[in-house]
PDB file of N, CA and C in Angstrom:
ATOM      1  N   MET A   1       3.266 -46.051 -56.800  1.00  0.00           N
ATOM      2  CA  MET A   1       2.061 -45.900 -57.588  1.00  0.00           C
ATOM      3  C   MET A   1       1.331 -44.614 -57.227  1.00  0.00           C
ATOM      4  N   ALA A   2       1.212 -44.320 -55.947  1.00  0.00           N
ATOM      5  CA  ALA A   2       0.524 -43.107 -55.512  1.00  0.00           C
ATOM      6  C   ALA A   2       1.252 -41.863 -55.996  1.00  0.00           C
ATOM      7  N   VAL A   3       2.580 -41.910 -56.012  1.00  0.00           N
ATOM      8  CA  VAL A   3       3.372 -40.770 -56.486  1.00  0.00           C
ATOM      9  C   VAL A   3       3.123 -40.558 -57.977  1.00  0.00           C
ATOM     10  N   ALA A   4       3.044 -41.629 -58.741  1.00  0.00           N
ATOM     11  CA  ALA A   4       2.795 -41.513 -60.183  1.00  0.00           C
ATOM     12  C   ALA A   4       1.427 -40.890 -60.435  1.00  0.00           C
ATOM     13  N   CYS A   5       0.422 -41.289 -59.660  1.00  0.00           N
ATOM     14  CA  CYS A   5      -0.915 -40.698 -59.811  1.00  0.00           C
ATOM     15  C   CYS A   5      -0.897 -39.223 -59.436  1.00  0.00           C
ATOM     16  N   ALA A   6      -0.196 -38.896 -58.359  1.00  0.00           N
ATOM     17  CA  ALA A   6      -0.131 -37.498 -57.938  1.00  0.00           C
ATOM     18  C   ALA A   6       0.564 -36.645 -58.987  1.00  0.00           C
ATOM     19  N   LEU A   7       1.621 -37.177 -59.591  1.00  0.00           N
ATOM     20  CA  LEU A   7       2.320 -36.428 -60.635  1.00  0.00           C
ATOM     21  C   LEU A   7       1.462 -36.274 -61.881  1.00  0.00           C
ATOM     22  N   ALA A   8       0.680 -37.284 -62.194  1.00  0.00           N
ATOM     23  CA  ALA A   8      -0.189 -37.210 -63.370  1.00  0.00           C
ATOM     24  C   ALA A   8      -1.293 -36.180 -63.174  1.00  0.00           C
ATOM     25  N   LEU A   9      -1.782 -36.027 -61.955  1.00  0.00           N
ATOM     26  CA  LEU A   9      -2.845 -35.076 -61.671  1.00  0.00           C
ATOM     27  C   LEU A   9      -2.336 -33.693 -61.299  1.00  0.00           C
ATOM     28  N   ALA A  10      -1.036 -33.545 -61.136  1.00  0.00           N
ATOM     29  CA  ALA A  10      -0.477 -32.281 -60.675  1.00  0.00           C
ATOM     30  C   ALA A  10      -0.931 -31.126 -61.550  1.00  0.00           C
ATOM     31  N   GLY A  11      -1.590 -30.170 -60.927  1.00  0.00           N
ATOM     32  CA  GLY A  11      -2.002 -28.975 -61.627  1.00  0.00           C
ATOM     33  C   GLY A  11      -3.245 -29.135 -62.467  1.00  0.00           C
ATOM     34  N   CYS A  12      -4.019 -30.184 -62.255  1.00  0.00           N
ATOM     35  CA  CYS A  12      -5.233 -30.401 -63.047  1.00  0.00           C
ATOM     36  C   CYS A  12      -6.468 -30.242 -62.180  1.00  0.00           C
ATOM     37  N   VAL A  13      -7.528 -29.753 -62.805  1.00  0.00           N
ATOM     38  CA  VAL A  13      -8.828 -29.709 -62.149  1.00  0.00           C
ATOM     39  C   VAL A  13      -9.844 -30.302 -63.106  1.00  0.00           C
ATOM     40  N   PHE A  14     -10.923 -30.802 -62.549  1.00  0.00           N
ATOM     41  CA  PHE A  14     -11.998 -31.378 -63.338  1.00  0.00           C
ATOM     42  C   PHE A  14     -13.146 -30.377 -63.378  1.00  0.00           C
ATOM     43  N   VAL A  15     -13.661 -30.129 -64.579  1.00  0.00           N
ATOM     44  CA  VAL A  15     -14.759 -29.177 -64.733  1.00  0.00           C
ATOM     45  C   VAL A  15     -15.880 -29.814 -65.550  1.00  0.00           C
ATOM     46  N   PRO A  16     -17.133 -29.552 -65.167  1.00  0.00           N
ATOM     47  CA  PRO A  16     -18.249 -30.083 -65.945  1.00  0.00           C
ATOM     48  C   PRO A  16     -18.446 -29.273 -67.226  1.00  0.00           C
ATOM     49  N   ARG A  17     -18.872 -29.959 -68.278  1.00  0.00           N
ATOM     50  CA  ARG A  17     -19.134 -29.298 -69.564  1.00  0.00           C
ATOM     51  C   ARG A  17     -20.361 -29.948 -70.175  1.00  0.00           C
ATOM     52  N   THR A  18     -21.217 -29.132 -70.787  1.00  0.00           N
ATOM     53  CA  THR A  18     -22.417 -29.640 -71.445  1.00  0.00           C
ATOM     54  C   THR A  18     -22.149 -29.793 -72.934  1.00  0.00           C
ATOM     55  N   VAL A  19     -22.526 -30.949 -73.482  1.00  0.00           N
ATOM     56  CA  VAL A  19     -22.363 -31.225 -74.909  1.00  0.00           C
ATOM     57  C   VAL A  19     -23.729 -31.586 -75.497  1.00  0.00           C
ATOM     58  N   GLN A  20     -23.858 -31.422 -76.796  1.00  0.00           N
ATOM     59  CA  GLN A  20     -25.068 -31.784 -77.519  1.00  0.00           C
ATOM     60  C   GLN A  20     -24.871 -33.171 -78.124  1.00  0.00           C
ATOM     61  N   VAL A  21     -25.862 -34.037 -77.973  1.00  0.00           N
ATOM     62  CA  VAL A  21     -25.811 -35.376 -78.568  1.00  0.00           C
ATOM     63  C   VAL A  21     -27.123 -35.637 -79.287  1.00  0.00           C
ATOM     64  N   TYR A  22     -27.042 -36.363 -80.391  1.00  0.00           N
ATOM     65  CA  TYR A  22     -28.250 -36.693 -81.154  1.00  0.00           C
ATOM     66  C   TYR A  22     -28.716 -38.089 -80.786  1.00  0.00           C
ATOM     67  N   ASP A  23     -29.977 -38.212 -80.440  1.00  0.00           N
ATOM     68  CA  ASP A  23     -30.576 -39.491 -80.099  1.00  0.00           C
ATOM     69  C   ASP A  23     -31.441 -39.929 -81.279  1.00  0.00           C
ATOM     70  N   GLU A  24     -31.006 -40.955 -81.976  1.00  0.00           N
ATOM     71  CA  GLU A  24     -31.731 -41.421 -83.160  1.00  0.00           C
ATOM     72  C   GLU A  24     -33.102 -41.989 -82.810  1.00  0.00           C
ATOM     73  N   ASP A  25     -33.201 -42.696 -81.687  1.00  0.00           N
ATOM     74  CA  ASP A  25     -34.479 -43.282 -81.299  1.00  0.00           C
ATOM     75  C   ASP A  25     -35.542 -42.214 -81.067  1.00  0.00           C
ATOM     76  N   CYS A  26     -35.161 -41.119 -80.429  1.00  0.00           N
ATOM     77  CA  CYS A  26     -36.107 -40.046 -80.126  1.00  0.00           C
ATOM     78  C   CYS A  26     -36.151 -38.978 -81.216  1.00  0.00           C
ATOM     79  N   GLN A  27     -35.196 -38.995 -82.096  1.00  0.00           N
ATOM     80  CA  GLN A  27     -35.077 -38.017 -83.170  1.00  0.00           C
ATOM     81  C   GLN A  27     -34.960 -36.594 -82.630  1.00  0.00           C
ATOM     82  N   ILE A  28     -34.141 -36.431 -81.591  1.00  0.00           N
ATOM     83  CA  ILE A  28     -33.907 -35.104 -81.026  1.00  0.00           C
ATOM     84  C   ILE A  28     -32.431 -34.947 -80.691  1.00  0.00           C
ATOM     85  N   THR A  29     -32.035 -33.708 -80.585  1.00  0.00           N
ATOM     86  CA  THR A  29     -30.712 -33.395 -80.052  1.00  0.00           C
ATOM     87  C   THR A  29     -30.910 -33.056 -78.585  1.00  0.00           C
ATOM     88  N   SER A  30     -30.203 -33.745 -77.729  1.00  0.00           N
ATOM     89  CA  SER A  30     -30.346 -33.512 -76.299  1.00  0.00           C
ATOM     90  C   SER A  30     -28.999 -33.095 -75.714  1.00  0.00           C
ATOM     91  N   ARG A  31     -29.046 -32.684 -74.467  1.00  0.00           N
ATOM     92  CA  ARG A  31     -27.825 -32.258 -73.779  1.00  0.00           C
ATOM     93  C   ARG A  31     -27.356 -33.353 -72.831  1.00  0.00           C
ATOM     94  N   GLN A  32     -26.051 -33.355 -72.618  1.00  0.00           N
ATOM     95  CA  GLN A  32     -25.429 -34.322 -71.717  1.00  0.00           C
ATOM     96  C   GLN A  32     -24.227 -33.641 -71.090  1.00  0.00           C
ATOM     97  N   MET A  33     -23.963 -33.919 -69.839  1.00  0.00           N
ATOM     98  CA  MET A  33     -22.799 -33.343 -69.164  1.00  0.00           C
ATOM     99  C   MET A  33     -21.667 -34.355 -69.127  1.00  0.00           C
ATOM    100  N   VAL A  34     -20.452 -33.853 -69.310  1.00  0.00           N
ATOM    101  CA  VAL A  34     -19.246 -34.675 -69.252  1.00  0.00           C
ATOM    102  C   VAL A  34     -18.215 -33.953 -68.388  1.00  0.00           C
ATOM    103  N   LEU A  35     -17.226 -34.687 -67.937  1.00  0.00           N
ATOM    104  CA  LEU A  35     -16.130 -34.089 -67.174  1.00  0.00           C
ATOM    105  C   LEU A  35     -14.959 -33.796 -68.100  1.00  0.00           C
ATOM    106  N   ASP A  36     -14.437 -32.599 -68.017  1.00  0.00           N
ATOM    107  CA  ASP A  36     -13.227 -32.227 -68.737  1.00  0.00           C
ATOM    108  C   ASP A  36     -12.097 -32.037 -67.738  1.00  0.00           C
ATOM    109  N   VAL A  37     -10.892 -32.334 -68.164  1.00  0.00           N
ATOM    110  CA  VAL A  37      -9.717 -32.101 -67.337  1.00  0.00           C
ATOM    111  C   VAL A  37      -9.018 -30.863 -67.876  1.00  0.00           C
ATOM    112  N   GLN A  38      -8.788 -29.901 -67.004  1.00  0.00           N
ATOM    113  CA  GLN A  38      -8.103 -28.668 -67.378  1.00  0.00           C
ATOM    114  C   GLN A  38      -6.802 -28.566 -66.580  1.00  0.00           C
ATOM    115  N   GLN A  39      -5.732 -28.267 -67.265  1.00  0.00           N
ATOM    116  CA  GLN A  39      -4.454 -28.107 -66.572  1.00  0.00           C
ATOM    117  C   GLN A  39      -4.319 -26.660 -66.128  1.00  0.00           C
ATOM    118  N   ILE A  40      -4.042 -26.463 -64.837  1.00  0.00           N
ATOM    119  CA  ILE A  40      -3.910 -25.111 -64.309  1.00  0.00           C
ATOM    120  C   ILE A  40      -2.474 -24.767 -63.945  1.00  0.00           C
ATOM    121  N   GLY A  41      -1.585 -25.729 -64.026  1.00  0.00           N
ATOM    122  CA  GLY A  41      -0.189 -25.473 -63.693  1.00  0.00           C
ATOM    123  C   GLY A  41       0.615 -26.753 -63.701  1.00  0.00           C
ATOM    124  N   THR A  42       1.898 -26.596 -63.642  1.00  0.00           N
ATOM    125  CA  THR A  42       2.791 -27.746 -63.581  1.00  0.00           C
ATOM    126  C   THR A  42       3.806 -27.524 -62.471  1.00  0.00           C
ATOM    127  N   LEU A  43       4.405 -28.595 -62.062  1.00  0.00           N
ATOM    128  CA  LEU A  43       5.462 -28.470 -61.068  1.00  0.00           C
ATOM    129  C   LEU A  43       6.744 -28.043 -61.768  1.00  0.00           C
ATOM    130  N   GLY A  44       7.276 -26.937 -61.309  1.00  0.00           N
ATOM    131  CA  GLY A  44       8.499 -26.422 -61.917  1.00  0.00           C
ATOM    132  C   GLY A  44       9.713 -26.907 -61.156  1.00  0.00           C
ATOM    133  N   HIS A  45      10.570 -26.005 -60.875  1.00  0.00           N
ATOM    134  CA  HIS A  45      11.808 -26.320 -60.164  1.00  0.00           C
ATOM    135  C   HIS A  45      11.589 -26.149 -58.672  1.00  0.00           C
ATOM    136  N   CYS A  46      11.270 -27.247 -58.016  1.00  0.00           N
ATOM    137  CA  CYS A  46      11.090 -27.204 -56.578  1.00  0.00           C
ATOM    138  C   CYS A  46      12.019 -28.236 -55.957  1.00  0.00           C
ATOM    139  N   VAL A  47      12.266 -28.071 -54.680  1.00  0.00           N
ATOM    140  CA  VAL A  47      13.181 -28.991 -53.996  1.00  0.00           C
ATOM    141  C   VAL A  47      12.578 -29.445 -52.669  1.00  0.00           C
ATOM    142  N   ASN A  48      12.886 -30.678 -52.326  1.00  0.00           N
ATOM    143  CA  ASN A  48      12.571 -31.282 -51.033  1.00  0.00           C
ATOM    144  C   ASN A  48      11.139 -31.060 -50.553  1.00  0.00           C
ATOM    145  N   GLU A  49      11.002 -30.404 -49.385  1.00  0.00           N
ATOM    146  CA  GLU A  49       9.685 -30.218 -48.778  1.00  0.00           C
ATOM    147  C   GLU A  49       8.768 -29.353 -49.644  1.00  0.00           C
ATOM    148  N   GLY A  50       9.344 -28.470 -50.428  1.00  0.00           N
ATOM    149  CA  GLY A  50       8.540 -27.623 -51.307  1.00  0.00           C
ATOM    150  C   GLY A  50       7.780 -28.460 -52.325  1.00  0.00           C
ATOM    151  N   CYS A  51       8.449 -29.463 -52.884  1.00  0.00           N
ATOM    152  CA  CYS A  51       7.792 -30.353 -53.848  1.00  0.00           C
ATOM    153  C   CYS A  51       6.721 -31.199 -53.172  1.00  0.00           C
ATOM    154  N   ALA A  52       7.022 -31.695 -52.009  1.00  0.00           N
ATOM    155  CA  ALA A  52       6.061 -32.531 -51.292  1.00  0.00           C
ATOM    156  C   ALA A  52       4.811 -31.729 -50.955  1.00  0.00           C
ATOM    157  N   GLY A  53       4.982 -30.520 -50.479  1.00  0.00           N
ATOM    158  CA  GLY A  53       3.844 -29.657 -50.155  1.00  0.00           C
ATOM    159  C   GLY A  53       3.037 -29.312 -51.388  1.00  0.00           C
ATOM    160  N   ALA A  54       3.722 -29.020 -52.481  1.00  0.00           N
ATOM    161  CA  ALA A  54       3.033 -28.692 -53.730  1.00  0.00           C
ATOM    162  C   ALA A  54       2.255 -29.896 -54.238  1.00  0.00           C
ATOM    163  N   LEU A  55       2.830 -31.088 -54.168  1.00  0.00           N
ATOM    164  CA  LEU A  55       2.136 -32.298 -54.597  1.00  0.00           C
ATOM    165  C   LEU A  55       0.885 -32.557 -53.770  1.00  0.00           C
ATOM    166  N   VAL A  56       1.001 -32.374 -52.478  1.00  0.00           N
ATOM    167  CA  VAL A  56      -0.147 -32.587 -51.599  1.00  0.00           C
ATOM    168  C   VAL A  56      -1.256 -31.582 -51.929  1.00  0.00           C
ATOM    169  N   ALA A  57      -0.891 -30.323 -52.088  1.00  0.00           N
ATOM    170  CA  ALA A  57      -1.880 -29.288 -52.387  1.00  0.00           C
ATOM    171  C   ALA A  57      -2.537 -29.522 -53.743  1.00  0.00           C
ATOM    172  N   LEU A  58      -1.750 -29.817 -54.756  1.00  0.00           N
ATOM    173  CA  LEU A  58      -2.307 -30.044 -56.085  1.00  0.00           C
ATOM    174  C   LEU A  58      -3.154 -31.311 -56.126  1.00  0.00           C
ATOM    175  N   GLY A  59      -2.738 -32.336 -55.416  1.00  0.00           N
ATOM    176  CA  GLY A  59      -3.532 -33.560 -55.339  1.00  0.00           C
ATOM    177  C   GLY A  59      -4.862 -33.320 -54.643  1.00  0.00           C
ATOM    178  N   ALA A  60      -4.846 -32.491 -53.601  1.00  0.00           N
ATOM    179  CA  ALA A  60      -6.077 -32.174 -52.881  1.00  0.00           C
ATOM    180  C   ALA A  60      -7.028 -31.386 -53.782  1.00  0.00           C
ATOM    181  N   VAL A  61      -6.498 -30.422 -54.510  1.00  0.00           N
ATOM    182  CA  VAL A  61      -7.325 -29.614 -55.411  1.00  0.00           C
ATOM    183  C   VAL A  61      -7.941 -30.505 -56.495  1.00  0.00           C
ATOM    184  N   ALA A  62      -7.142 -31.392 -57.078  1.00  0.00           N
ATOM    185  CA  ALA A  62      -7.645 -32.286 -58.124  1.00  0.00           C
ATOM    186  C   ALA A  62      -8.726 -33.208 -57.567  1.00  0.00           C
ATOM    187  N   SER A  63      -8.511 -33.741 -56.385  1.00  0.00           N
ATOM    188  CA  SER A  63      -9.488 -34.652 -55.783  1.00  0.00           C
ATOM    189  C   SER A  63     -10.799 -33.943 -55.464  1.00  0.00           C
ATOM    190  N   VAL A  64     -10.707 -32.778 -54.864  1.00  0.00           N
ATOM    191  CA  VAL A  64     -11.915 -32.026 -54.514  1.00  0.00           C
ATOM    192  C   VAL A  64     -12.670 -31.612 -55.768  1.00  0.00           C
ATOM    193  N   SER A  65     -11.951 -31.163 -56.793  1.00  0.00           N
ATOM    194  CA  SER A  65     -12.632 -30.752 -58.025  1.00  0.00           C
ATOM    195  C   SER A  65     -13.296 -31.953 -58.704  1.00  0.00           C
ATOM    196  N   ALA A  66     -12.684 -33.137 -58.605  1.00  0.00           N
ATOM    197  CA  ALA A  66     -13.287 -34.336 -59.197  1.00  0.00           C
ATOM    198  C   ALA A  66     -14.580 -34.706 -58.484  1.00  0.00           C
ATOM    199  N   VAL A  67     -14.602 -34.622 -57.169  1.00  0.00           N
ATOM    200  CA  VAL A  67     -15.800 -34.968 -56.400  1.00  0.00           C
ATOM    201  C   VAL A  67     -16.922 -33.963 -56.662  1.00  0.00           C
ATOM    202  N   ILE A  68     -16.603 -32.683 -56.582  1.00  0.00           N
ATOM    203  CA  ILE A  68     -17.630 -31.652 -56.774  1.00  0.00           C
ATOM    204  C   ILE A  68     -18.135 -31.661 -58.214  1.00  0.00           C
ATOM    205  N   SER A  69     -17.225 -31.652 -59.171  1.00  0.00           N
ATOM    206  CA  SER A  69     -17.635 -31.625 -60.578  1.00  0.00           C
ATOM    207  C   SER A  69     -18.347 -32.915 -60.969  1.00  0.00           C
ATOM    208  N   GLY A  70     -17.904 -34.032 -60.440  1.00  0.00           N
ATOM    209  CA  GLY A  70     -18.574 -35.299 -60.708  1.00  0.00           C
ATOM    210  C   GLY A  70     -20.002 -35.294 -60.200  1.00  0.00           C
ATOM    211  N   SER A  71     -20.219 -34.699 -59.038  1.00  0.00           N
ATOM    212  CA  SER A  71     -21.570 -34.588 -58.490  1.00  0.00           C
ATOM    213  C   SER A  71     -22.441 -33.688 -59.364  1.00  0.00           C
ATOM    214  N   VAL A  72     -21.868 -32.589 -59.843  1.00  0.00           N
ATOM    215  CA  VAL A  72     -22.604 -31.685 -60.730  1.00  0.00           C
ATOM    216  C   VAL A  72     -22.996 -32.409 -62.016  1.00  0.00           C
ATOM    217  N   VAL A  73     -22.074 -33.209 -62.560  1.00  0.00           N
ATOM    218  CA  VAL A  73     -22.354 -33.956 -63.791  1.00  0.00           C
ATOM    219  C   VAL A  73     -23.473 -34.965 -63.572  1.00  0.00           C
ATOM    220  N   ILE A  74     -23.452 -35.670 -62.469  1.00  0.00           N
ATOM    221  CA  ILE A  74     -24.496 -36.662 -62.184  1.00  0.00           C
ATOM    222  C   ILE A  74     -25.857 -35.989 -62.068  1.00  0.00           C
ATOM    223  N   VAL A  75     -25.950 -34.927 -61.289  1.00  0.00           N
ATOM    224  CA  VAL A  75     -27.223 -34.219 -61.119  1.00  0.00           C
ATOM    225  C   VAL A  75     -27.675 -33.610 -62.448  1.00  0.00           C
ATOM    226  N   GLY A  76     -26.748 -33.002 -63.172  1.00  0.00           N
ATOM    227  CA  GLY A  76     -27.085 -32.409 -64.468  1.00  0.00           C
ATOM    228  C   GLY A  76     -27.596 -33.439 -65.454  1.00  0.00           C
ATOM    229  N   ASN A  77     -26.973 -34.610 -65.499  1.00  0.00           N
ATOM    230  CA  ASN A  77     -27.419 -35.651 -66.423  1.00  0.00           C
ATOM    231  C   ASN A  77     -28.789 -36.213 -66.046  1.00  0.00           C
ATOM    232  N   VAL A  78     -29.105 -36.258 -64.759  1.00  0.00           N
ATOM    233  CA  VAL A  78     -30.443 -36.683 -64.344  1.00  0.00           C
ATOM    234  C   VAL A  78     -31.478 -35.670 -64.842  1.00  0.00           C
ATOM    235  N   VAL A  79     -31.191 -34.385 -64.667  1.00  0.00           N
ATOM    236  CA  VAL A  79     -32.101 -33.339 -65.146  1.00  0.00           C
ATOM    237  C   VAL A  79     -32.245 -33.422 -66.655  1.00  0.00           C
ATOM    238  N   TYR A  80     -31.144 -33.585 -67.386  1.00  0.00           N
ATOM    239  CA  TYR A  80     -31.189 -33.679 -68.847  1.00  0.00           C
ATOM    240  C   TYR A  80     -31.940 -34.937 -69.291  1.00  0.00           C
ATOM    241  N   TRP A  81     -31.844 -36.025 -68.520  1.00  0.00           N
ATOM    242  CA  TRP A  81     -32.557 -37.247 -68.858  1.00  0.00           C
ATOM    243  C   TRP A  81     -34.070 -37.010 -68.778  1.00  0.00           C
ATOM    244  N   PHE A  82     -34.515 -36.334 -67.698  1.00  0.00           N
ATOM    245  CA  PHE A  82     -35.940 -36.020 -67.581  1.00  0.00           C
ATOM    246  C   PHE A  82     -36.385 -35.096 -68.710  1.00  0.00           C
ATOM    247  N   GLU A  83     -35.562 -34.128 -69.045  1.00  0.00           N
ATOM    248  CA  GLU A  83     -35.876 -33.223 -70.148  1.00  0.00           C
ATOM    249  C   GLU A  83     -36.005 -34.000 -71.458  1.00  0.00           C
ATOM    250  N   LYS A  84     -35.075 -34.906 -71.684  1.00  0.00           N
ATOM    251  CA  LYS A  84     -35.097 -35.716 -72.904  1.00  0.00           C
ATOM    252  C   LYS A  84     -36.342 -36.596 -72.954  1.00  0.00           C
ATOM    253  N   ARG A  85     -36.694 -37.211 -71.840  1.00  0.00           N
ATOM    254  CA  ARG A  85     -37.877 -38.078 -71.810  1.00  0.00           C
ATOM    255  C   ARG A  85     -39.146 -37.292 -72.122  1.00  0.00           C
ATOM    256  N   SER A  86     -39.211 -36.035 -71.691  1.00  0.00           N
ATOM    257  CA  SER A  86     -40.417 -35.243 -71.956  1.00  0.00           C
ATOM    258  C   SER A  86     -40.497 -34.811 -73.418  1.00  0.00           C
ATOM    259  N   LEU A  87     -39.355 -34.726 -74.103  1.00  0.00           N
ATOM    260  CA  LEU A  87     -39.336 -34.290 -75.502  1.00  0.00           C
ATOM    261  C   LEU A  87     -39.275 -35.451 -76.488  1.00  0.00           C
ATOM    262  N   CYS A  88     -39.026 -36.634 -76.000  1.00  0.00           N
ATOM    263  CA  CYS A  88     -38.786 -37.782 -76.873  1.00  0.00           C
ATOM    264  C   CYS A  88     -40.045 -38.188 -77.632  1.00  0.00           C
ATOM    265  N   ARG A  89     -39.877 -38.334 -78.915  1.00  0.00           N
ATOM    266  CA  ARG A  89     -40.936 -38.884 -79.757  1.00  0.00           C
ATOM    267  C   ARG A  89     -40.300 -40.037 -80.525  1.00  0.00           C
ATOM    268  N   GLU A  90     -40.503 -41.198 -80.000  1.00  0.00           N
ATOM    269  CA  GLU A  90     -39.841 -42.374 -80.573  1.00  0.00           C
ATOM    270  C   GLU A  90     -40.302 -42.612 -81.994  1.00  0.00           C
ATOM    271  N   ALA A  91     -39.341 -43.000 -82.829  1.00  0.00           N
ATOM    272  CA  ALA A  91     -39.643 -43.293 -84.237  1.00  0.00           C
ATOM    273  C   ALA A  91     -40.476 -44.550 -84.308  1.00  0.00           C
ATOM    274  N   PRO A  92     -41.388 -44.608 -85.259  1.00  0.00           N
ATOM    275  CA  PRO A  92     -42.182 -45.837 -85.419  1.00  0.00           C
ATOM    276  C   PRO A  92     -41.279 -47.010 -85.772  1.00  0.00           C
ATOM    277  N   ARG A  93     -41.529 -48.121 -85.156  1.00  0.00           N
ATOM    278  CA  ARG A  93     -40.727 -49.324 -85.391  1.00  0.00           C
ATOM    279  C   ARG A  93     -41.277 -50.068 -86.601  1.00  0.00           C
ATOM    280  N   PRO A  94     -40.394 -50.548 -87.481  1.00  0.00           N
ATOM    281  CA  PRO A  94     -40.864 -51.340 -88.630  1.00  0.00           C
ATOM    282  C   PRO A  94     -41.470 -52.650 -88.159  1.00  0.00           C
ATOM    283  N   ARG A  95     -42.518 -53.080 -88.841  1.00  0.00           N
ATOM    284  CA  ARG A  95     -43.185 -54.343 -88.462  1.00  0.00           C
ATOM    285  C   ARG A  95     -42.718 -55.475 -89.291  1.00  0.00           C
TER     286      ARG A  95
END
């Protein structure tokens, strides 16, 4: 199972990206951060210890990028949430 996960992540990094979303309740377009997966390489023709070393290195890069980028997304979304709350003008509710 661990090998399958390592192969699936081989050569990938996680990067934060900001997207625009429309909030109907507030009637505004706000920003939100999401994680994107970018492929930076694939395992080519390697043999024995070379493949094992490459898998370990690529797995480490993917893991570190997920932790760092995930933290950036969390902090960014908190900031965007405060920004949205300050701009929000809720639509009148029907009675």
